[in-house]
Amino acid sequence: MRSCGPTTLPRVSTALVTGSAGGIGSAIVARLRDEGFDVRELDIVDGFDVSDPGCWEHIGSVELACLNAGVLTGESVVAELTDEQYRRAVGVNVDGVVYGVRRLDRVMPTGACIVVTASLAGLTEIPHDPVYGLTKHAVVGFVRSVAPQLASRGIRIQAVCPGWADTPLTTPDIRRQLDGNGLRLLQPHEVAATVWAAYASAGTGEAWVVQPGRQPLRYEFRGVPGPG
């Protein structure tokens, strides 16, 4: 995607983080505060529902927004998926990002940045929660697609795609599967470090992958074949 803005980081003083009470959210908040940000924490436990467009109408301007709220459906079998499970996942994971970006585009200043927590599930398959995979593919596609119009106002947007992290979102079954394959979980601070790397990049519309034992990596989209 195109680059917008200088490579030197702007002086940032204000930020917001959704899903701030969760493991990754609290790690992002801690990292940003360590970097000198004044951070506003937004979480459902405090009454902020990212899937409610009315909540977003009360959000004002910030220089950095981390849209991090996310949920699993908890259902691997599509035939057994309930309407409630489906609507909640789409509401939090997709609507929460779209409503957030829509509001932030209206109020953010030039030079601001939005970082969205997607998932490795937005770049590959996730058979044990297909709807979660659907929502994260949607998030990655939205970030890439909306980036050019945000860039025209000098606003960057990035996606972060972590593997499974050591948070309550990772179920016991997933933990056992990873452990059986000799794989470790990411620590929340590793995801927060990748959020910072995505913000620090001069690019926009990028997807940054983080896996245990690896440095944050900008994912290379190969594109589609051109016309014959």
C-alpha atoms as a PDB file:
ATOM      1  CA  MET A   1       0.000   0.000   0.000  1.00  0.00           C
ATOM      2  CA  ARG A   2       1.036   3.623  -0.402  1.00  0.00           C
ATOM      3  CA  SER A   3       2.935   5.462   2.307  1.00  0.00           C
ATOM      4  CA  CYS A   4       1.603   8.669   3.778  1.00  0.00           C
ATOM      5  CA  GLY A   5       3.244  11.021   6.208  1.00  0.00           C
ATOM      6  CA  PRO A   6       6.850  11.429   7.296  1.00  0.00           C
ATOM      7  CA  THR A   7       8.977   8.579   8.563  1.00  0.00           C
ATOM      8  CA  THR A   8       9.723  10.590  11.707  1.00  0.00           C
ATOM      9  CA  LEU A   9       7.035   9.865  14.293  1.00  0.00           C
ATOM     10  CA  PRO A  10       4.802  12.798  15.151  1.00  0.00           C
ATOM     11  CA  ARG A  11       4.622  13.965  18.740  1.00  0.00           C
ATOM     12  CA  VAL A  12       1.633  12.048  20.071  1.00  0.00           C
ATOM     13  CA  SER A  13      -0.082  12.824  23.333  1.00  0.00           C
ATOM     14  CA  THR A  14      -3.530  11.225  23.234  1.00  0.00           C
ATOM     15  CA  ALA A  15      -4.708   7.714  22.442  1.00  0.00           C
ATOM     16  CA  LEU A  16      -7.630   5.383  22.964  1.00  0.00           C
ATOM     17  CA  VAL A  17      -7.755   1.595  23.277  1.00  0.00           C
ATOM     18  CA  THR A  18     -10.903  -0.512  22.914  1.00  0.00           C
ATOM     19  CA  GLY A  19     -11.087  -3.857  24.662  1.00  0.00           C
ATOM     20  CA  SER A  20      -8.737  -2.262  27.169  1.00  0.00           C
ATOM     21  CA  ALA A  21      -9.646  -4.557  30.075  1.00  0.00           C
ATOM     22  CA  GLY A  22      -8.504  -7.721  28.280  1.00  0.00           C
ATOM     23  CA  GLY A  23      -5.034  -9.211  28.287  1.00  0.00           C
ATOM     24  CA  ILE A  24      -3.866  -7.686  25.006  1.00  0.00           C
ATOM     25  CA  GLY A  25      -5.784  -4.462  25.576  1.00  0.00           C
ATOM     26  CA  SER A  26      -4.227  -3.842  28.972  1.00  0.00           C
ATOM     27  CA  ALA A  27      -0.779  -4.589  27.532  1.00  0.00           C
ATOM     28  CA  ILE A  28      -1.361  -2.039  24.759  1.00  0.00           C
ATOM     29  CA  VAL A  29      -2.471   0.532  27.331  1.00  0.00           C
ATOM     30  CA  ALA A  30       0.656  -0.120  29.412  1.00  0.00           C
ATOM     31  CA  ARG A  31       2.949   0.165  26.375  1.00  0.00           C
ATOM     32  CA  LEU A  32       1.404   3.430  25.231  1.00  0.00           C
ATOM     33  CA  ARG A  33       1.616   4.933  28.694  1.00  0.00           C
ATOM     34  CA  ASP A  34       5.270   3.899  28.857  1.00  0.00           C
ATOM     35  CA  GLU A  35       5.707   5.830  25.598  1.00  0.00           C
ATOM     36  CA  GLY A  36       4.168   8.927  27.159  1.00  0.00           C
ATOM     37  CA  PHE A  37       0.594   8.732  25.871  1.00  0.00           C
ATOM     38  CA  ASP A  38      -2.472   9.922  27.711  1.00  0.00           C
ATOM     39  CA  VAL A  39      -4.650   6.855  27.090  1.00  0.00           C
ATOM     40  CA  ARG A  40      -8.427   6.619  27.247  1.00  0.00           C
ATOM     41  CA  GLU A  41      -9.565   3.077  28.055  1.00  0.00           C
ATOM     42  CA  LEU A  42     -12.801   1.839  26.464  1.00  0.00           C
ATOM     43  CA  ASP A  43     -14.254  -1.557  27.361  1.00  0.00           C
ATOM     44  CA  ILE A  44     -17.604  -3.297  27.614  1.00  0.00           C
ATOM     45  CA  VAL A  45     -17.027  -3.814  31.358  1.00  0.00           C
ATOM     46  CA  ASP A  46     -17.164  -0.031  31.721  1.00  0.00           C
ATOM     47  CA  GLY A  47     -20.222   0.316  29.485  1.00  0.00           C
ATOM     48  CA  PHE A  48     -18.560   1.039  26.133  1.00  0.00           C
ATOM     49  CA  ASP A  49     -20.031  -1.293  23.496  1.00  0.00           C
ATOM     50  CA  VAL A  50     -17.999  -1.041  20.288  1.00  0.00           C
ATOM     51  CA  SER A  51     -20.895  -2.553  18.330  1.00  0.00           C
ATOM     52  CA  ASP A  52     -23.187   0.343  19.323  1.00  0.00           C
ATOM     53  CA  PRO A  53     -22.775   3.285  16.912  1.00  0.00           C
ATOM     54  CA  GLY A  54     -24.242   5.586  19.555  1.00  0.00           C
ATOM     55  CA  CYS A  55     -21.268   4.966  21.858  1.00  0.00           C
ATOM     56  CA  TRP A  56     -18.868   6.116  19.144  1.00  0.00           C
ATOM     57  CA  GLU A  57     -20.651   9.460  18.758  1.00  0.00           C
ATOM     58  CA  HIS A  58     -19.194  10.508  22.133  1.00  0.00           C
ATOM     59  CA  ILE A  59     -15.584   9.869  21.067  1.00  0.00           C
ATOM     60  CA  GLY A  60     -13.467  12.901  20.331  1.00  0.00           C
ATOM     61  CA  SER A  61     -10.169  13.467  18.594  1.00  0.00           C
ATOM     62  CA  VAL A  62      -7.049  11.457  19.450  1.00  0.00           C
ATOM     63  CA  GLU A  63      -3.712  11.070  17.700  1.00  0.00           C
ATOM     64  CA  LEU A  64      -3.641   7.260  17.996  1.00  0.00           C
ATOM     65  CA  ALA A  65      -6.560   4.834  18.203  1.00  0.00           C
ATOM     66  CA  CYS A  66      -6.082   1.124  18.883  1.00  0.00           C
ATOM     67  CA  LEU A  67      -9.242  -0.773  17.947  1.00  0.00           C
ATOM     68  CA  ASN A  68      -8.576  -3.957  19.835  1.00  0.00           C
ATOM     69  CA  ALA A  69     -11.912  -5.361  21.071  1.00  0.00           C
ATOM     70  CA  GLY A  70     -12.654  -8.859  19.808  1.00  0.00           C
ATOM     71  CA  VAL A  71     -14.510 -12.082  20.654  1.00  0.00           C
ATOM     72  CA  LEU A  72     -14.679 -15.709  19.541  1.00  0.00           C
ATOM     73  CA  THR A  73     -17.974 -17.481  18.834  1.00  0.00           C
ATOM     74  CA  GLY A  74     -16.876 -20.578  20.722  1.00  0.00           C
ATOM     75  CA  GLU A  75     -18.481 -22.774  18.049  1.00  0.00           C
ATOM     76  CA  SER A  76     -16.601 -24.874  15.511  1.00  0.00           C
ATOM     77  CA  VAL A  77     -19.625 -26.510  13.858  1.00  0.00           C
ATOM     78  CA  VAL A  78     -21.445 -24.046  11.609  1.00  0.00           C
ATOM     79  CA  ALA A  79     -24.654 -26.086  11.713  1.00  0.00           C
ATOM     80  CA  GLU A  80     -24.784 -25.555  15.484  1.00  0.00           C
ATOM     81  CA  LEU A  81     -23.946 -21.841  15.419  1.00  0.00           C
ATOM     82  CA  THR A  82     -26.620 -19.741  17.099  1.00  0.00           C
ATOM     83  CA  ASP A  83     -27.870 -16.403  15.792  1.00  0.00           C
ATOM     84  CA  GLU A  84     -26.652 -14.793  19.015  1.00  0.00           C
ATOM     85  CA  GLN A  85     -23.123 -16.196  18.636  1.00  0.00           C
ATOM     86  CA  TYR A  86     -22.944 -15.041  15.030  1.00  0.00           C
ATOM     87  CA  ARG A  87     -24.332 -11.558  15.604  1.00  0.00           C
ATOM     88  CA  ARG A  88     -22.136 -10.933  18.630  1.00  0.00           C
ATOM     89  CA  ALA A  89     -18.941 -11.911  16.769  1.00  0.00           C
ATOM     90  CA  VAL A  90     -19.794  -9.792  13.738  1.00  0.00           C
ATOM     91  CA  GLY A  91     -20.975  -6.931  15.948  1.00  0.00           C
ATOM     92  CA  VAL A  92     -17.815  -6.726  18.033  1.00  0.00           C
ATOM     93  CA  ASN A  93     -15.187  -7.784  15.512  1.00  0.00           C
ATOM     94  CA  VAL A  94     -16.498  -6.098  12.356  1.00  0.00           C
ATOM     95  CA  ASP A  95     -19.094  -3.459  13.281  1.00  0.00           C
ATOM     96  CA  GLY A  96     -16.887  -2.263  16.126  1.00  0.00           C
ATOM     97  CA  VAL A  97     -14.057  -1.587  13.699  1.00  0.00           C
ATOM     98  CA  VAL A  98     -16.206  -0.003  10.981  1.00  0.00           C
ATOM     99  CA  TYR A  99     -18.090   2.263  13.406  1.00  0.00           C
ATOM    100  CA  GLY A 100     -14.820   3.194  15.081  1.00  0.00           C
ATOM    101  CA  VAL A 101     -13.034   4.066  11.853  1.00  0.00           C
ATOM    102  CA  ARG A 102     -16.055   6.006  10.593  1.00  0.00           C
ATOM    103  CA  ARG A 103     -16.112   8.162  13.726  1.00  0.00           C
ATOM    104  CA  LEU A 104     -12.354   8.589  13.905  1.00  0.00           C
ATOM    105  CA  ASP A 105     -12.169   9.634  10.260  1.00  0.00           C
ATOM    106  CA  ARG A 106     -14.524  12.481  11.164  1.00  0.00           C
ATOM    107  CA  VAL A 107     -12.605  13.736  14.206  1.00  0.00           C
ATOM    108  CA  MET A 108      -8.938  12.719  13.936  1.00  0.00           C
ATOM    109  CA  PRO A 109      -6.318  15.311  12.968  1.00  0.00           C
ATOM    110  CA  THR A 110      -3.881  15.050  10.087  1.00  0.00           C
ATOM    111  CA  GLY A 111      -0.962  12.818  11.059  1.00  0.00           C
ATOM    112  CA  ALA A 112      -3.098  10.540  13.243  1.00  0.00           C
ATOM    113  CA  CYS A 113      -3.040   6.740  13.095  1.00  0.00           C
ATOM    114  CA  ILE A 114      -5.467   3.876  13.682  1.00  0.00           C
ATOM    115  CA  VAL A 115      -4.138   0.407  14.558  1.00  0.00           C
ATOM    116  CA  VAL A 116      -6.652  -2.452  14.419  1.00  0.00           C
ATOM    117  CA  THR A 117      -6.087  -5.764  16.172  1.00  0.00           C
ATOM    118  CA  ALA A 118      -7.001  -8.386  13.578  1.00  0.00           C
ATOM    119  CA  SER A 119      -5.582 -11.901  13.856  1.00  0.00           C
ATOM    120  CA  LEU A 120      -3.480 -14.480  12.079  1.00  0.00           C
ATOM    121  CA  ALA A 121      -6.944 -15.946  11.456  1.00  0.00           C
ATOM    122  CA  GLY A 122      -7.455 -13.035   9.069  1.00  0.00           C
ATOM    123  CA  LEU A 123      -4.652 -14.362   6.862  1.00  0.00           C
ATOM    124  CA  THR A 124      -5.233 -18.120   7.067  1.00  0.00           C
ATOM    125  CA  GLU A 125      -7.922 -20.656   7.933  1.00  0.00           C
ATOM    126  CA  ILE A 126      -9.247 -21.298  11.451  1.00  0.00           C
ATOM    127  CA  PRO A 127     -11.404 -24.476  11.270  1.00  0.00           C
ATOM    128  CA  HIS A 128     -12.311 -24.514  14.970  1.00  0.00           C
ATOM    129  CA  ASP A 129     -14.069 -21.098  14.698  1.00  0.00           C
ATOM    130  CA  PRO A 130     -14.943 -20.317  11.062  1.00  0.00           C
ATOM    131  CA  VAL A 131     -17.011 -17.239  11.883  1.00  0.00           C
ATOM    132  CA  TYR A 132     -14.136 -15.740  13.866  1.00  0.00           C
ATOM    133  CA  GLY A 133     -12.018 -16.326  10.771  1.00  0.00           C
ATOM    134  CA  LEU A 134     -14.674 -14.628   8.656  1.00  0.00           C
ATOM    135  CA  THR A 135     -14.646 -11.535  10.863  1.00  0.00           C
ATOM    136  CA  LYS A 136     -10.865 -11.219  10.925  1.00  0.00           C
ATOM    137  CA  HIS A 137     -10.574 -11.640   7.155  1.00  0.00           C
ATOM    138  CA  ALA A 138     -13.160  -8.844   6.931  1.00  0.00           C
ATOM    139  CA  VAL A 139     -11.079  -6.630   9.208  1.00  0.00           C
ATOM    140  CA  VAL A 140      -7.884  -7.133   7.204  1.00  0.00           C
ATOM    141  CA  GLY A 141      -9.734  -6.480   3.955  1.00  0.00           C
ATOM    142  CA  PHE A 142     -11.380  -3.362   5.365  1.00  0.00           C
ATOM    143  CA  VAL A 143      -8.087  -1.928   6.620  1.00  0.00           C
ATOM    144  CA  ARG A 144      -6.435  -2.447   3.248  1.00  0.00           C
ATOM    145  CA  SER A 145      -9.413  -1.067   1.334  1.00  0.00           C
ATOM    146  CA  VAL A 146     -10.084   2.027   3.439  1.00  0.00           C
ATOM    147  CA  ALA A 147      -6.419   3.039   3.732  1.00  0.00           C
ATOM    148  CA  PRO A 148      -6.239   5.122   0.520  1.00  0.00           C
ATOM    149  CA  GLN A 149      -9.169   7.366   1.416  1.00  0.00           C
ATOM    150  CA  LEU A 150      -7.864   7.897   4.954  1.00  0.00           C
ATOM    151  CA  ALA A 151      -4.446   8.679   3.477  1.00  0.00           C
ATOM    152  CA  SER A 152      -5.998  11.516   1.500  1.00  0.00           C
ATOM    153  CA  ARG A 153      -6.616  13.200   4.875  1.00  0.00           C
ATOM    154  CA  GLY A 154      -3.195  12.260   6.221  1.00  0.00           C
ATOM    155  CA  ILE A 155      -4.499   9.466   8.489  1.00  0.00           C
ATOM    156  CA  ARG A 156      -2.800   6.071   8.498  1.00  0.00           C
ATOM    157  CA  ILE A 157      -4.457   2.748   9.349  1.00  0.00           C
ATOM    158  CA  GLN A 158      -2.703  -0.536  10.118  1.00  0.00           C
ATOM    159  CA  ALA A 159      -3.704  -4.084  11.062  1.00  0.00           C
ATOM    160  CA  VAL A 160      -1.919  -6.289  13.581  1.00  0.00           C
ATOM    161  CA  CYS A 161      -2.309 -10.052  13.118  1.00  0.00           C
ATOM    162  CA  PRO A 162      -1.166 -12.014  16.177  1.00  0.00           C
ATOM    163  CA  GLY A 163      -1.253 -15.744  16.626  1.00  0.00           C
ATOM    164  CA  TRP A 164      -2.818 -17.186  19.786  1.00  0.00           C
ATOM    165  CA  ALA A 165      -1.896 -15.230  22.904  1.00  0.00           C
ATOM    166  CA  ASP A 166      -1.941 -16.072  26.590  1.00  0.00           C
ATOM    167  CA  THR A 167      -5.296 -14.430  27.335  1.00  0.00           C
ATOM    168  CA  PRO A 168      -8.742 -15.684  28.417  1.00  0.00           C
ATOM    169  CA  LEU A 169      -9.802 -15.598  24.746  1.00  0.00           C
ATOM    170  CA  THR A 170      -7.604 -18.641  24.110  1.00  0.00           C
ATOM    171  CA  THR A 171      -9.695 -21.639  25.155  1.00  0.00           C
ATOM    172  CA  PRO A 172      -8.366 -24.711  27.007  1.00  0.00           C
ATOM    173  CA  ASP A 173      -8.813 -26.805  23.841  1.00  0.00           C
ATOM    174  CA  ILE A 174      -6.649 -24.419  21.839  1.00  0.00           C
ATOM    175  CA  ARG A 175      -4.051 -24.371  24.602  1.00  0.00           C
ATOM    176  CA  ARG A 176      -3.885 -28.167  24.655  1.00  0.00           C
ATOM    177  CA  GLN A 177      -3.574 -28.298  20.873  1.00  0.00           C
ATOM    178  CA  LEU A 178      -0.707 -25.806  20.853  1.00  0.00           C
ATOM    179  CA  ASP A 179       1.036 -27.535  23.738  1.00  0.00           C
ATOM    180  CA  GLY A 180       0.693 -30.890  21.978  1.00  0.00           C
ATOM    181  CA  ASN A 181       2.460 -29.425  18.952  1.00  0.00           C
ATOM    182  CA  GLY A 182       5.237 -27.931  21.047  1.00  0.00           C
ATOM    183  CA  LEU A 183       4.078 -24.382  20.387  1.00  0.00           C
ATOM    184  CA  ARG A 184       3.971 -21.599  22.945  1.00  0.00           C
ATOM    185  CA  LEU A 185       1.458 -18.814  23.305  1.00  0.00           C
ATOM    186  CA  LEU A 186       2.319 -15.214  22.613  1.00  0.00           C
ATOM    187  CA  GLN A 187       2.566 -12.969  25.622  1.00  0.00           C
ATOM    188  CA  PRO A 188       0.336  -9.877  25.518  1.00  0.00           C
ATOM    189  CA  HIS A 189       3.327  -7.536  25.677  1.00  0.00           C
ATOM    190  CA  GLU A 190       4.616  -9.081  22.431  1.00  0.00           C
ATOM    191  CA  VAL A 191       1.379  -8.113  20.703  1.00  0.00           C
ATOM    192  CA  ALA A 192       1.598  -4.625  22.195  1.00  0.00           C
ATOM    193  CA  ALA A 193       5.124  -4.320  20.797  1.00  0.00           C
ATOM    194  CA  THR A 194       3.780  -5.177  17.341  1.00  0.00           C
ATOM    195  CA  VAL A 195       1.055  -2.553  17.699  1.00  0.00           C
ATOM    196  CA  TRP A 196       3.850  -0.079  18.339  1.00  0.00           C
ATOM    197  CA  ALA A 197       5.824  -1.348  15.339  1.00  0.00           C
ATOM    198  CA  ALA A 198       2.771  -0.954  13.101  1.00  0.00           C
ATOM    199  CA  TYR A 199       2.253   2.568  14.388  1.00  0.00           C
ATOM    200  CA  ALA A 200       5.932   3.423  13.945  1.00  0.00           C
ATOM    201  CA  SER A 201       5.916   2.253  10.333  1.00  0.00           C
ATOM    202  CA  ALA A 202       5.526   5.025   7.776  1.00  0.00           C
ATOM    203  CA  GLY A 203       3.167   2.840   5.761  1.00  0.00           C
ATOM    204  CA  THR A 204      -0.585   2.458   5.728  1.00  0.00           C
ATOM    205  CA  GLY A 205      -2.947  -0.404   4.907  1.00  0.00           C
ATOM    206  CA  GLU A 206      -0.356  -2.923   6.129  1.00  0.00           C
ATOM    207  CA  ALA A 207      -0.831  -6.164   8.078  1.00  0.00           C
ATOM    208  CA  TRP A 208       1.777  -6.866  10.748  1.00  0.00           C
ATOM    209  CA  VAL A 209       2.204 -10.489  11.857  1.00  0.00           C
ATOM    210  CA  VAL A 210       3.486 -11.506  15.276  1.00  0.00           C
ATOM    211  CA  GLN A 211       4.338 -15.081  16.201  1.00  0.00           C
ATOM    212  CA  PRO A 212       6.175 -16.450  19.247  1.00  0.00           C
ATOM    213  CA  GLY A 213       9.936 -16.093  18.957  1.00  0.00           C
ATOM    214  CA  ARG A 214       9.785 -13.840  15.891  1.00  0.00           C
ATOM    215  CA  GLN A 215      10.160 -10.120  15.407  1.00  0.00           C
ATOM    216  CA  PRO A 216       7.098  -8.218  14.112  1.00  0.00           C
ATOM    217  CA  LEU A 217       6.852  -8.798  10.374  1.00  0.00           C
ATOM    218  CA  ARG A 218       5.011  -6.831   7.701  1.00  0.00           C
ATOM    219  CA  TYR A 219       2.980  -9.367   5.736  1.00  0.00           C
ATOM    220  CA  GLU A 220       3.536  -9.381   1.968  1.00  0.00           C
ATOM    221  CA  PHE A 221       0.309  -9.696  -0.015  1.00  0.00           C
ATOM    222  CA  ARG A 222       1.098 -11.250  -3.375  1.00  0.00           C
ATOM    223  CA  GLY A 223      -1.895  -9.743  -5.140  1.00  0.00           C
ATOM    224  CA  VAL A 224      -4.085 -11.322  -7.800  1.00  0.00           C
ATOM    225  CA  PRO A 225      -3.174 -12.206 -11.393  1.00  0.00           C
ATOM    226  CA  GLY A 226      -3.761  -9.464 -13.925  1.00  0.00           C
ATOM    227  CA  PRO A 227      -5.981  -9.848 -16.990  1.00  0.00           C
ATOM    228  CA  GLY A 228      -4.912 -12.441 -19.535  1.00  0.00           C
END
